[in-house]
PDB file of N, CA and C in Angstrom:
ATOM      1  N   SER A   1      17.273  19.469  11.841  1.00  0.00           N
ATOM      2  CA  SER A   1      16.047  19.116  11.448  1.00  0.00           C
ATOM      3  C   SER A   1      15.206  19.678  11.806  1.00  0.00           C
ATOM      4  N   GLU A   2      13.717  20.177  11.051  1.00  0.00           N
ATOM      5  CA  GLU A   2      12.862  20.826  11.069  1.00  0.00           C
ATOM      6  C   GLU A   2      11.607  20.205  12.426  1.00  0.00           C
ATOM      7  N   PRO A   3      11.607  21.300  13.792  1.00  0.00           N
ATOM      8  CA  PRO A   3      10.041  21.035  14.340  1.00  0.00           C
ATOM      9  C   PRO A   3       8.978  20.188  13.918  1.00  0.00           C
ATOM     10  N   GLY A   4       8.592  19.539  14.888  1.00  0.00           N
ATOM     11  CA  GLY A   4       7.130  18.572  13.728  1.00  0.00           C
ATOM     12  C   GLY A   4       7.406  17.479  12.653  1.00  0.00           C
ATOM     13  N   ARG A   5       8.796  17.040  12.643  1.00  0.00           N
ATOM     14  CA  ARG A   5       9.014  16.224  11.715  1.00  0.00           C
ATOM     15  C   ARG A   5       8.756  14.831  12.727  1.00  0.00           C
ATOM     16  N   PRO A   6       8.078  13.789  11.965  1.00  0.00           N
ATOM     17  CA  PRO A   6       7.871  12.413  12.255  1.00  0.00           C
ATOM     18  C   PRO A   6       9.512  11.923  13.037  1.00  0.00           C
ATOM     19  N   ILE A   7       9.687  11.153  14.124  1.00  0.00           N
ATOM     20  CA  ILE A   7      10.492  10.358  14.825  1.00  0.00           C
ATOM     21  C   ILE A   7      11.177   9.568  14.240  1.00  0.00           C
ATOM     22  N   GLN A   8      10.313   9.140  13.152  1.00  0.00           N
ATOM     23  CA  GLN A   8      10.722   8.190  12.464  1.00  0.00           C
ATOM     24  C   GLN A   8      11.496   8.323  11.174  1.00  0.00           C
ATOM     25  N   ASP A   9      11.377   9.577  10.732  1.00  0.00           N
ATOM     26  CA  ASP A   9      12.137  10.458   9.535  1.00  0.00           C
ATOM     27  C   ASP A   9      13.509  11.215  10.086  1.00  0.00           C
ATOM     28  N   ILE A  10      13.440  11.132  11.344  1.00  0.00           N
ATOM     29  CA  ILE A  10      14.027  11.671  12.435  1.00  0.00           C
ATOM     30  C   ILE A  10      15.219  10.442  12.293  1.00  0.00           C
ATOM     31  N   MET A  11      15.053   9.217  12.257  1.00  0.00           N
ATOM     32  CA  MET A  11      15.429   8.625  13.487  1.00  0.00           C
ATOM     33  C   MET A  11      16.189   7.844  11.780  1.00  0.00           C
ATOM     34  N   ASN A  12      15.478   7.560  10.750  1.00  0.00           N
ATOM     35  CA  ASN A  12      15.868   7.127   9.596  1.00  0.00           C
ATOM     36  C   ASN A  12      17.439   7.612   9.403  1.00  0.00           C
ATOM     37  N   GLU A  13      16.980   9.339   9.714  1.00  0.00           N
ATOM     38  CA  GLU A  13      18.011  10.500   9.020  1.00  0.00           C
ATOM     39  C   GLU A  13      19.629   9.745   9.690  1.00  0.00           C
ATOM     40  N   VAL A  14      19.556   9.919  11.267  1.00  0.00           N
ATOM     41  CA  VAL A  14      20.393   9.293  11.961  1.00  0.00           C
ATOM     42  C   VAL A  14      21.224   7.796  11.487  1.00  0.00           C
ATOM     43  N   ILE A  15      20.130   6.974  11.159  1.00  0.00           N
ATOM     44  CA  ILE A  15      20.632   5.900  11.031  1.00  0.00           C
ATOM     45  C   ILE A  15      21.640   5.970   9.229  1.00  0.00           C
ATOM     46  N   GLU A  16      20.948   6.567   8.396  1.00  0.00           N
ATOM     47  CA  GLU A  16      21.672   6.037   7.173  1.00  0.00           C
ATOM     48  C   GLU A  16      22.621   6.662   7.445  1.00  0.00           C
ATOM     49  N   TYR A  17      23.308   8.301   8.552  1.00  0.00           N
ATOM     50  CA  TYR A  17      24.298   8.864   8.862  1.00  0.00           C
ATOM     51  C   TYR A  17      25.207   7.991   9.431  1.00  0.00           C
ATOM     52  N   LEU A  18      24.928   7.506  10.444  1.00  0.00           N
ATOM     53  CA  LEU A  18      25.808   6.244  10.995  1.00  0.00           C
ATOM     54  C   LEU A  18      26.603   5.029   9.958  1.00  0.00           C
ATOM     55  N   THR A  19      25.246   4.778   9.007  1.00  0.00           N
ATOM     56  CA  THR A  19      25.437   3.356   8.007  1.00  0.00           C
ATOM     57  C   THR A  19      26.418   4.203   7.036  1.00  0.00           C
ATOM     58  N   ASN A  20      26.231   4.963   6.409  1.00  0.00           N
ATOM     59  CA  ASN A  20      27.054   5.653   5.433  1.00  0.00           C
ATOM     60  C   ASN A  20      28.226   6.305   5.771  1.00  0.00           C
ATOM     61  N   THR A  21      28.309   7.396   6.704  1.00  0.00           N
ATOM     62  CA  THR A  21      29.419   8.376   7.294  1.00  0.00           C
ATOM     63  C   THR A  21      30.343   7.338   7.768  1.00  0.00           C
ATOM     64  N   VAL A  22      29.639   7.409   9.550  1.00  0.00           N
ATOM     65  CA  VAL A  22      30.537   6.832  10.511  1.00  0.00           C
ATOM     66  C   VAL A  22      31.314   5.503  10.311  1.00  0.00           C
ATOM     67  N   ASP A  23      30.375   4.403   9.887  1.00  0.00           N
ATOM     68  CA  ASP A  23      30.741   3.107   9.840  1.00  0.00           C
ATOM     69  C   ASP A  23      32.047   2.794   8.936  1.00  0.00           C
ATOM     70  N   PRO A  24      32.183   3.559   7.739  1.00  0.00           N
ATOM     71  CA  PRO A  24      33.240   3.283   6.188  1.00  0.00           C
ATOM     72  C   PRO A  24      34.746   3.727   7.487  1.00  0.00           C
ATOM     73  N   LEU A  25      34.032   5.248   8.169  1.00  0.00           N
ATOM     74  CA  LEU A  25      35.551   5.992   9.231  1.00  0.00           C
ATOM     75  C   LEU A  25      35.753   4.803   9.774  1.00  0.00           C
ATOM     76  N   ARG A  26      35.217   3.785  10.993  1.00  0.00           N
ATOM     77  CA  ARG A  26      35.518   3.292  11.583  1.00  0.00           C
ATOM     78  C   ARG A  26      36.471   2.106  11.244  1.00  0.00           C
ATOM     79  N   GLU A  27      35.930   1.779  10.176  1.00  0.00           N
ATOM     80  CA  GLU A  27      36.598   0.001   9.429  1.00  0.00           C
ATOM     81  C   GLU A  27      38.059   0.854   9.676  1.00  0.00           C
ATOM     82  N   LYS A  28      37.875   2.474   8.592  1.00  0.00           N
ATOM     83  CA  LYS A  28      39.215   2.712   8.015  1.00  0.00           C
ATOM     84  C   LYS A  28      39.926   2.900   9.081  1.00  0.00           C
ATOM     85  N   SER A  29      39.488   2.922  10.475  1.00  0.00           N
ATOM     86  CA  SER A  29      40.338   4.098  11.267  1.00  0.00           C
ATOM     87  C   SER A  29      41.920   3.269  12.127  1.00  0.00           C
ATOM     88  N   ILE A  30      41.598   1.988  11.925  1.00  0.00           N
ATOM     89  CA  ILE A  30      41.837   0.683  12.322  1.00  0.00           C
ATOM     90  C   ILE A  30      43.746   1.514  11.985  1.00  0.00           C
ATOM     91  N   ARG A  31      43.376   1.982  10.650  1.00  0.00           N
ATOM     92  CA  ARG A  31      45.082   1.213   9.893  1.00  0.00           C
ATOM     93  C   ARG A  31      45.206   3.247   9.910  1.00  0.00           C
ATOM     94  N   ASP A  32      44.808   4.194  10.014  1.00  0.00           N
ATOM     95  CA  ASP A  32      44.972   5.414   9.382  1.00  0.00           C
ATOM     96  C   ASP A  32      44.580   6.370  10.574  1.00  0.00           C
ATOM     97  N   LYS A  33      45.199   7.313  10.670  1.00  0.00           N
ATOM     98  CA  LYS A  33      45.290   8.103  12.020  1.00  0.00           C
ATOM     99  C   LYS A  33      44.160   9.147  11.458  1.00  0.00           C
ATOM    100  N   LYS A  34      44.501   9.739  10.151  1.00  0.00           N
ATOM    101  CA  LYS A  34      43.178  11.082  10.459  1.00  0.00           C
ATOM    102  C   LYS A  34      42.106  10.018   9.959  1.00  0.00           C
ATOM    103  N   ALA A  35      41.609   9.057   9.521  1.00  0.00           N
ATOM    104  CA  ALA A  35      40.136   8.163   9.474  1.00  0.00           C
ATOM    105  C   ALA A  35      39.624   8.058  11.261  1.00  0.00           C
ATOM    106  N   SER A  36      40.530   7.806  11.352  1.00  0.00           N
ATOM    107  CA  SER A  36      40.160   7.501  13.057  1.00  0.00           C
ATOM    108  C   SER A  36      39.992   9.171  13.427  1.00  0.00           C
ATOM    109  N   VAL A  37      40.924  10.243  13.916  1.00  0.00           N
ATOM    110  CA  VAL A  37      40.272  11.371  14.159  1.00  0.00           C
ATOM    111  C   VAL A  37      38.855  12.087  12.825  1.00  0.00           C
ATOM    112  N   LEU A  38      38.857  11.571  12.066  1.00  0.00           N
ATOM    113  CA  LEU A  38      37.931  11.168  11.249  1.00  0.00           C
ATOM    114  C   LEU A  38      36.047  10.851  11.878  1.00  0.00           C
ATOM    115  N   HIS A  39      36.765   9.424  12.318  1.00  0.00           N
ATOM    116  CA  HIS A  39      35.783   9.241  12.228  1.00  0.00           C
ATOM    117  C   HIS A  39      35.007   9.650  14.070  1.00  0.00           C
ATOM    118  N   ASP A  40      35.959  10.222  15.184  1.00  0.00           N
ATOM    119  CA  ASP A  40      35.354  10.620  16.515  1.00  0.00           C
ATOM    120  C   ASP A  40      34.615  12.097  16.119  1.00  0.00           C
ATOM    121  N   LEU A  41      35.077  12.751  15.173  1.00  0.00           N
ATOM    122  CA  LEU A  41      34.716  14.145  14.964  1.00  0.00           C
ATOM    123  C   LEU A  41      33.405  13.672  14.610  1.00  0.00           C
ATOM    124  N   TYR A  42      32.905  12.732  13.849  1.00  0.00           N
ATOM    125  CA  TYR A  42      31.913  12.706  13.108  1.00  0.00           C
ATOM    126  C   TYR A  42      30.700  11.896  14.227  1.00  0.00           C
ATOM    127  N   LEU A  43      31.315  10.843  14.777  1.00  0.00           N
ATOM    128  CA  LEU A  43      30.831  10.257  15.123  1.00  0.00           C
ATOM    129  C   LEU A  43      30.135  10.625  17.075  1.00  0.00           C
ATOM    130  N   TYR A  44      30.766  11.969  17.258  1.00  0.00           N
ATOM    131  CA  TYR A  44      30.652  12.624  18.830  1.00  0.00           C
ATOM    132  C   TYR A  44      30.465  13.547  18.531  1.00  0.00           C
ATOM    133  N   GLN A  45      30.603  14.702  17.130  1.00  0.00           N
ATOM    134  CA  GLN A  45      29.810  16.078  16.922  1.00  0.00           C
ATOM    135  C   GLN A  45      28.822  16.023  16.243  1.00  0.00           C
ATOM    136  N   VAL A  46      27.289  15.361  16.888  1.00  0.00           N
ATOM    137  CA  VAL A  46      26.073  15.239  16.997  1.00  0.00           C
ATOM    138  C   VAL A  46      25.176  16.430  16.012  1.00  0.00           C
ATOM    139  N   MET A  47      25.631  17.611  16.927  1.00  0.00           N
ATOM    140  CA  MET A  47      25.461  19.022  16.384  1.00  0.00           C
ATOM    141  C   MET A  47      25.037  18.094  14.601  1.00  0.00           C
ATOM    142  N   LEU A  48      25.965  18.382  14.017  1.00  0.00           N
ATOM    143  CA  LEU A  48      26.704  18.104  13.039  1.00  0.00           C
ATOM    144  C   LEU A  48      25.052  17.937  11.986  1.00  0.00           C
ATOM    145  N   LEU A  49      24.317  16.747  12.359  1.00  0.00           N
ATOM    146  CA  LEU A  49      22.754  16.335  11.988  1.00  0.00           C
ATOM    147  C   LEU A  49      22.277  17.614  11.796  1.00  0.00           C
ATOM    148  N   ARG A  50      22.677  18.565  12.471  1.00  0.00           N
ATOM    149  CA  ARG A  50      21.394  19.565  12.176  1.00  0.00           C
ATOM    150  C   ARG A  50      21.879  20.117  10.752  1.00  0.00           C
ATOM    151  N   VAL A  51      23.214  20.201   9.938  1.00  0.00           N
ATOM    152  CA  VAL A  51      23.364  21.193   9.393  1.00  0.00           C
ATOM    153  C   VAL A  51      23.007  20.756   8.363  1.00  0.00           C
ATOM    154  N   THR A  52      23.141  21.388   7.325  1.00  0.00           N
ATOM    155  CA  THR A  52      22.674  21.586   5.771  1.00  0.00           C
ATOM    156  C   THR A  52      23.110  22.231   4.545  1.00  0.00           C
ATOM    157  N   GLY A  53      23.348  21.446   3.219  1.00  0.00           N
ATOM    158  CA  GLY A  53      24.209  22.800   2.187  1.00  0.00           C
ATOM    159  C   GLY A  53      25.081  23.188   2.268  1.00  0.00           C
ATOM    160  N   ASP A  54      25.559  24.624   2.123  1.00  0.00           N
ATOM    161  CA  ASP A  54      26.979  25.134   2.067  1.00  0.00           C
ATOM    162  C   ASP A  54      27.715  25.139   3.201  1.00  0.00           C
ATOM    163  N   GLU A  55      26.182  25.117   4.257  1.00  0.00           N
ATOM    164  CA  GLU A  55      26.911  25.538   6.279  1.00  0.00           C
ATOM    165  C   GLU A  55      27.894  23.706   6.418  1.00  0.00           C
ATOM    166  N   ARG A  56      27.214  22.623   6.005  1.00  0.00           N
ATOM    167  CA  ARG A  56      27.649  20.929   5.757  1.00  0.00           C
ATOM    168  C   ARG A  56      29.228  21.301   5.387  1.00  0.00           C
ATOM    169  N   LYS A  57      29.040  21.609   4.129  1.00  0.00           N
ATOM    170  CA  LYS A  57      30.549  21.576   3.400  1.00  0.00           C
ATOM    171  C   LYS A  57      31.607  22.248   3.774  1.00  0.00           C
ATOM    172  N   GLN A  58      30.774  23.292   4.977  1.00  0.00           N
ATOM    173  CA  GLN A  58      31.855  23.815   5.433  1.00  0.00           C
ATOM    174  C   GLN A  58      32.471  23.361   6.895  1.00  0.00           C
ATOM    175  N   VAL A  59      31.251  22.819   7.277  1.00  0.00           N
ATOM    176  CA  VAL A  59      32.147  22.031   8.635  1.00  0.00           C
ATOM    177  C   VAL A  59      32.827  20.661   8.146  1.00  0.00           C
ATOM    178  N   GLU A  60      32.272  20.167   7.029  1.00  0.00           N
ATOM    179  CA  GLU A  60      33.245  18.573   6.403  1.00  0.00           C
ATOM    180  C   GLU A  60      34.691  19.291   6.696  1.00  0.00           C
ATOM    181  N   LYS A  61      34.900  20.326   5.535  1.00  0.00           N
ATOM    182  CA  LYS A  61      35.691  20.811   5.540  1.00  0.00           C
ATOM    183  C   LYS A  61      36.961  21.586   6.868  1.00  0.00           C
ATOM    184  N   MET A  62      36.383  21.950   7.891  1.00  0.00           N
ATOM    185  CA  MET A  62      37.159  22.201   9.001  1.00  0.00           C
ATOM    186  C   MET A  62      37.262  20.530   9.714  1.00  0.00           C
ATOM    187  N   PHE A  63      36.144  20.060   9.555  1.00  0.00           N
ATOM    188  CA  PHE A  63      36.712  18.658  10.195  1.00  0.00           C
ATOM    189  C   PHE A  63      37.993  17.575   9.585  1.00  0.00           C
ATOM    190  N   ASP A  64      38.129  17.906   7.931  1.00  0.00           N
ATOM    191  CA  ASP A  64      38.963  17.526   7.135  1.00  0.00           C
ATOM    192  C   ASP A  64      40.387  18.099   7.657  1.00  0.00           C
ATOM    193  N   ASP A  65      40.423  19.494   7.630  1.00  0.00           N
ATOM    194  CA  ASP A  65      41.622  20.334   7.561  1.00  0.00           C
ATOM    195  C   ASP A  65      42.406  19.986   9.956  1.00  0.00           C
ATOM    196  N   PHE A  66      40.625  20.036  10.410  1.00  0.00           N
ATOM    197  CA  PHE A  66      42.006  19.900  11.490  1.00  0.00           C
ATOM    198  C   PHE A  66      42.276  18.101  11.829  1.00  0.00           C
ATOM    199  N   SER A  67      41.615  17.283  10.932  1.00  0.00           N
ATOM    200  CA  SER A  67      42.087  15.929  10.890  1.00  0.00           C
ATOM    201  C   SER A  67      44.002  15.599  10.170  1.00  0.00           C
ATOM    202  N   ASP A  68      43.396  16.242   9.189  1.00  0.00           N
ATOM    203  CA  ASP A  68      45.128  16.462   8.414  1.00  0.00           C
ATOM    204  C   ASP A  68      45.985  17.581   9.423  1.00  0.00           C
ATOM    205  N   GLU A  69      45.553  18.437  10.188  1.00  0.00           N
ATOM    206  CA  GLU A  69      46.924  19.230  11.270  1.00  0.00           C
ATOM    207  C   GLU A  69      47.008  18.130  12.070  1.00  0.00           C
ATOM    208  N   ALA A  70      46.016  16.975  12.581  1.00  0.00           N
ATOM    209  CA  ALA A  70      46.012  16.351  13.635  1.00  0.00           C
ATOM    210  C   ALA A  70      46.810  14.836  13.209  1.00  0.00           C
ATOM    211  N   VAL A  71      47.747  14.663  12.313  1.00  0.00           N
ATOM    212  CA  VAL A  71      47.861  13.761  11.677  1.00  0.00           C
ATOM    213  C   VAL A  71      49.594  14.176  11.240  1.00  0.00           C
ATOM    214  N   THR A  72      49.649  15.376  10.930  1.00  0.00           N
ATOM    215  CA  THR A  72      51.137  16.252  10.245  1.00  0.00           C
ATOM    216  C   THR A  72      51.448  16.560  11.829  1.00  0.00           C
ATOM    217  N   ASN A  73      51.186  17.033  12.809  1.00  0.00           N
ATOM    218  CA  ASN A  73      51.596  17.450  14.158  1.00  0.00           C
ATOM    219  C   ASN A  73      51.343  16.316  15.115  1.00  0.00           C
ATOM    220  N   ASP A  74      51.278  15.271  14.815  1.00  0.00           N
ATOM    221  CA  ASP A  74      51.368  14.014  15.918  1.00  0.00           C
ATOM    222  C   ASP A  74      50.817  14.112  16.864  1.00  0.00           C
ATOM    223  N   TRP A  75      49.688  14.780  17.057  1.00  0.00           N
ATOM    224  CA  TRP A  75      49.083  15.138  17.854  1.00  0.00           C
ATOM    225  C   TRP A  75      48.385  13.887  18.705  1.00  0.00           C
ATOM    226  N   SER A  76      48.566  14.029  20.386  1.00  0.00           N
ATOM    227  CA  SER A  76      47.956  12.734  20.779  1.00  0.00           C
ATOM    228  C   SER A  76      46.662  12.567  21.640  1.00  0.00           C
ATOM    229  N   ALA A  77      45.852  11.800  21.640  1.00  0.00           N
ATOM    230  CA  ALA A  77      45.089  11.154  21.573  1.00  0.00           C
ATOM    231  C   ALA A  77      44.012  12.650  22.847  1.00  0.00           C
ATOM    232  N   ASP A  78      44.685  12.960  23.891  1.00  0.00           N
ATOM    233  CA  ASP A  78      43.956  14.179  24.774  1.00  0.00           C
ATOM    234  C   ASP A  78      44.895  15.341  24.049  1.00  0.00           C
ATOM    235  N   GLU A  79      45.323  15.424  22.893  1.00  0.00           N
ATOM    236  CA  GLU A  79      45.513  16.978  22.604  1.00  0.00           C
ATOM    237  C   GLU A  79      44.528  16.622  21.174  1.00  0.00           C
ATOM    238  N   ILE A  80      43.822  16.099  20.962  1.00  0.00           N
ATOM    239  CA  ILE A  80      42.979  16.029  19.433  1.00  0.00           C
ATOM    240  C   ILE A  80      41.776  16.190  20.651  1.00  0.00           C
ATOM    241  N   ALA A  81      41.269  15.669  21.942  1.00  0.00           N
ATOM    242  CA  ALA A  81      40.117  16.368  23.209  1.00  0.00           C
ATOM    243  C   ALA A  81      39.881  17.691  23.333  1.00  0.00           C
ATOM    244  N   LYS A  82      41.510  17.965  23.512  1.00  0.00           N
ATOM    245  CA  LYS A  82      41.203  18.784  24.138  1.00  0.00           C
ATOM    246  C   LYS A  82      40.941  20.406  22.935  1.00  0.00           C
ATOM    247  N   ARG A  83      41.763  19.240  21.873  1.00  0.00           N
ATOM    248  CA  ARG A  83      41.534  21.208  21.027  1.00  0.00           C
ATOM    249  C   ARG A  83      40.192  20.765  19.871  1.00  0.00           C
ATOM    250  N   THR A  84      39.345  19.407  19.944  1.00  0.00           N
ATOM    251  CA  THR A  84      38.004  19.301  19.823  1.00  0.00           C
ATOM    252  C   THR A  84      37.310  20.309  20.499  1.00  0.00           C
ATOM    253  N   ALA A  85      37.259  20.221  21.437  1.00  0.00           N
ATOM    254  CA  ALA A  85      36.408  21.317  23.071  1.00  0.00           C
ATOM    255  C   ALA A  85      36.542  21.915  22.419  1.00  0.00           C
ATOM    256  N   LYS A  86      38.120  22.757  22.060  1.00  0.00           N
ATOM    257  CA  LYS A  86      37.993  24.593  21.848  1.00  0.00           C
ATOM    258  C   LYS A  86      37.716  24.710  20.916  1.00  0.00           C
ATOM    259  N   ASP A  87      37.914  24.201  19.322  1.00  0.00           N
ATOM    260  CA  ASP A  87      37.772  24.460  18.554  1.00  0.00           C
ATOM    261  C   ASP A  87      36.080  23.881  17.988  1.00  0.00           C
ATOM    262  N   ILE A  88      36.648  22.769  17.366  1.00  0.00           N
ATOM    263  CA  ILE A  88      35.506  22.085  16.391  1.00  0.00           C
ATOM    264  C   ILE A  88      34.013  22.016  17.393  1.00  0.00           C
ATOM    265  N   SER A  89      34.300  22.029  18.501  1.00  0.00           N
ATOM    266  CA  SER A  89      32.589  22.344  19.197  1.00  0.00           C
ATOM    267  C   SER A  89      31.952  23.097  19.148  1.00  0.00           C
ATOM    268  N   ALA A  90      33.087  24.513  19.483  1.00  0.00           N
ATOM    269  CA  ALA A  90      32.860  25.457  19.284  1.00  0.00           C
ATOM    270  C   ALA A  90      32.100  26.013  17.813  1.00  0.00           C
ATOM    271  N   GLY A  91      32.640  25.749  17.353  1.00  0.00           N
ATOM    272  CA  GLY A  91      32.634  26.416  15.466  1.00  0.00           C
ATOM    273  C   GLY A  91      31.743  25.765  14.416  1.00  0.00           C
ATOM    274  N   LEU A  92      31.097  24.464  15.272  1.00  0.00           N
ATOM    275  CA  LEU A  92      30.320  23.546  14.852  1.00  0.00           C
ATOM    276  C   LEU A  92      28.603  24.168  15.483  1.00  0.00           C
ATOM    277  N   SER A  93      28.757  24.590  17.065  1.00  0.00           N
ATOM    278  CA  SER A  93      27.823  25.282  17.689  1.00  0.00           C
ATOM    279  C   SER A  93      27.521  26.253  16.773  1.00  0.00           C
ATOM    280  N   ARG A  94      28.519  27.106  16.451  1.00  0.00           N
ATOM    281  CA  ARG A  94      27.810  28.560  15.805  1.00  0.00           C
ATOM    282  C   ARG A  94      27.265  28.212  14.862  1.00  0.00           C
ATOM    283  N   ILE A  95      27.523  27.564  13.436  1.00  0.00           N
ATOM    284  CA  ILE A  95      27.294  27.088  12.708  1.00  0.00           C
ATOM    285  C   ILE A  95      25.866  26.698  12.429  1.00  0.00           C
ATOM    286  N   ALA A  96      25.894  25.840  13.448  1.00  0.00           N
ATOM    287  CA  ALA A  96      24.373  24.836  13.467  1.00  0.00           C
ATOM    288  C   ALA A  96      23.307  25.681  14.354  1.00  0.00           C
ATOM    289  N   PHE A  97      23.751  27.058  14.544  1.00  0.00           N
ATOM    290  CA  PHE A  97      22.789  27.449  15.172  1.00  0.00           C
ATOM    291  C   PHE A  97      22.314  28.877  14.828  1.00  0.00           C
ATOM    292  N   GLY A  98      23.583  29.146  13.775  1.00  0.00           N
ATOM    293  CA  GLY A  98      23.092  30.659  13.514  1.00  0.00           C
ATOM    294  C   GLY A  98      24.023  31.684  14.487  1.00  0.00           C
ATOM    295  N   GLN A  99      24.912  32.284  13.514  1.00  0.00           N
ATOM    296  CA  GLN A  99      25.737  33.122  13.928  1.00  0.00           C
ATOM    297  C   GLN A  99      24.566  33.688  15.389  1.00  0.00           C
ATOM    298  N   ILE A 100      25.015  33.840  16.470  1.00  0.00           N
ATOM    299  CA  ILE A 100      24.012  34.610  17.228  1.00  0.00           C
ATOM    300  C   ILE A 100      25.053  36.026  17.807  1.00  0.00           C
ATOM    301  N   ASP A 101      24.038  37.104  17.707  1.00  0.00           N
ATOM    302  CA  ASP A 101      24.582  38.501  18.379  1.00  0.00           C
ATOM    303  C   ASP A 101      25.250  38.352  19.843  1.00  0.00           C
ATOM    304  N   VAL A 102      26.655  38.589  19.890  1.00  0.00           N
ATOM    305  CA  VAL A 102      26.663  38.657  20.874  1.00  0.00           C
ATOM    306  C   VAL A 102      26.185  40.208  21.580  1.00  0.00           C
ATOM    307  N   ASN A 103      26.154  41.182  20.887  1.00  0.00           N
ATOM    308  CA  ASN A 103      25.649  42.206  21.345  1.00  0.00           C
ATOM    309  C   ASN A 103      24.020  42.302  21.865  1.00  0.00           C
ATOM    310  N   ILE A 104      23.348  41.467  21.198  1.00  0.00           N
ATOM    311  CA  ILE A 104      21.776  41.168  21.805  1.00  0.00           C
ATOM    312  C   ILE A 104      21.872  40.969  22.824  1.00  0.00           C
ATOM    313  N   ILE A 105      23.176  39.631  22.735  1.00  0.00           N
ATOM    314  CA  ILE A 105      22.704  38.887  24.398  1.00  0.00           C
ATOM    315  C   ILE A 105      23.217  39.539  25.515  1.00  0.00           C
ATOM    316  N   VAL A 106      24.377  40.487  25.665  1.00  0.00           N
ATOM    317  CA  VAL A 106      24.856  41.310  26.280  1.00  0.00           C
ATOM    318  C   VAL A 106      23.762  42.504  26.448  1.00  0.00           C
ATOM    319  N   LYS A 107      23.021  43.179  25.616  1.00  0.00           N
ATOM    320  CA  LYS A 107      22.133  44.076  26.288  1.00  0.00           C
ATOM    321  C   LYS A 107      21.411  43.302  26.755  1.00  0.00           C
ATOM    322  N   SER A 108      20.895  42.298  27.010  1.00  0.00           N
ATOM    323  CA  SER A 108      19.200  41.914  26.851  1.00  0.00           C
ATOM    324  C   SER A 108      19.754  40.783  28.786  1.00  0.00           C
ATOM    325  N   GLN A 109      20.502  40.917  29.093  1.00  0.00           N
ATOM    326  CA  GLN A 109      21.728  40.746  30.365  1.00  0.00           C
ATOM    327  C   GLN A 109      21.056  42.105  31.470  1.00  0.00           C
TER     328      GLN A 109
END
């Protein structure tokens, strides 16, 4: 979201996201492990709200692939949490904030 946007616009965007994306997955997740994994990703990876356009599609594919892998390999809740922290959160942050050139960071130290 852009700096200076009215708080009401941001709140409306969040409510729409919860209503249209998270809630349907919550209901489905009771019977479906993939939906359960997706629900948690969409609910807790709030950085997704910063991502739009092609990058948004890229993140949604990353979530979908991750969920498929979790189901295929029958990961436990702990395994899903560990892999989410390691793989999903880092990837999503990188996409949300754009690629940060590590060399620039190192040189500035």
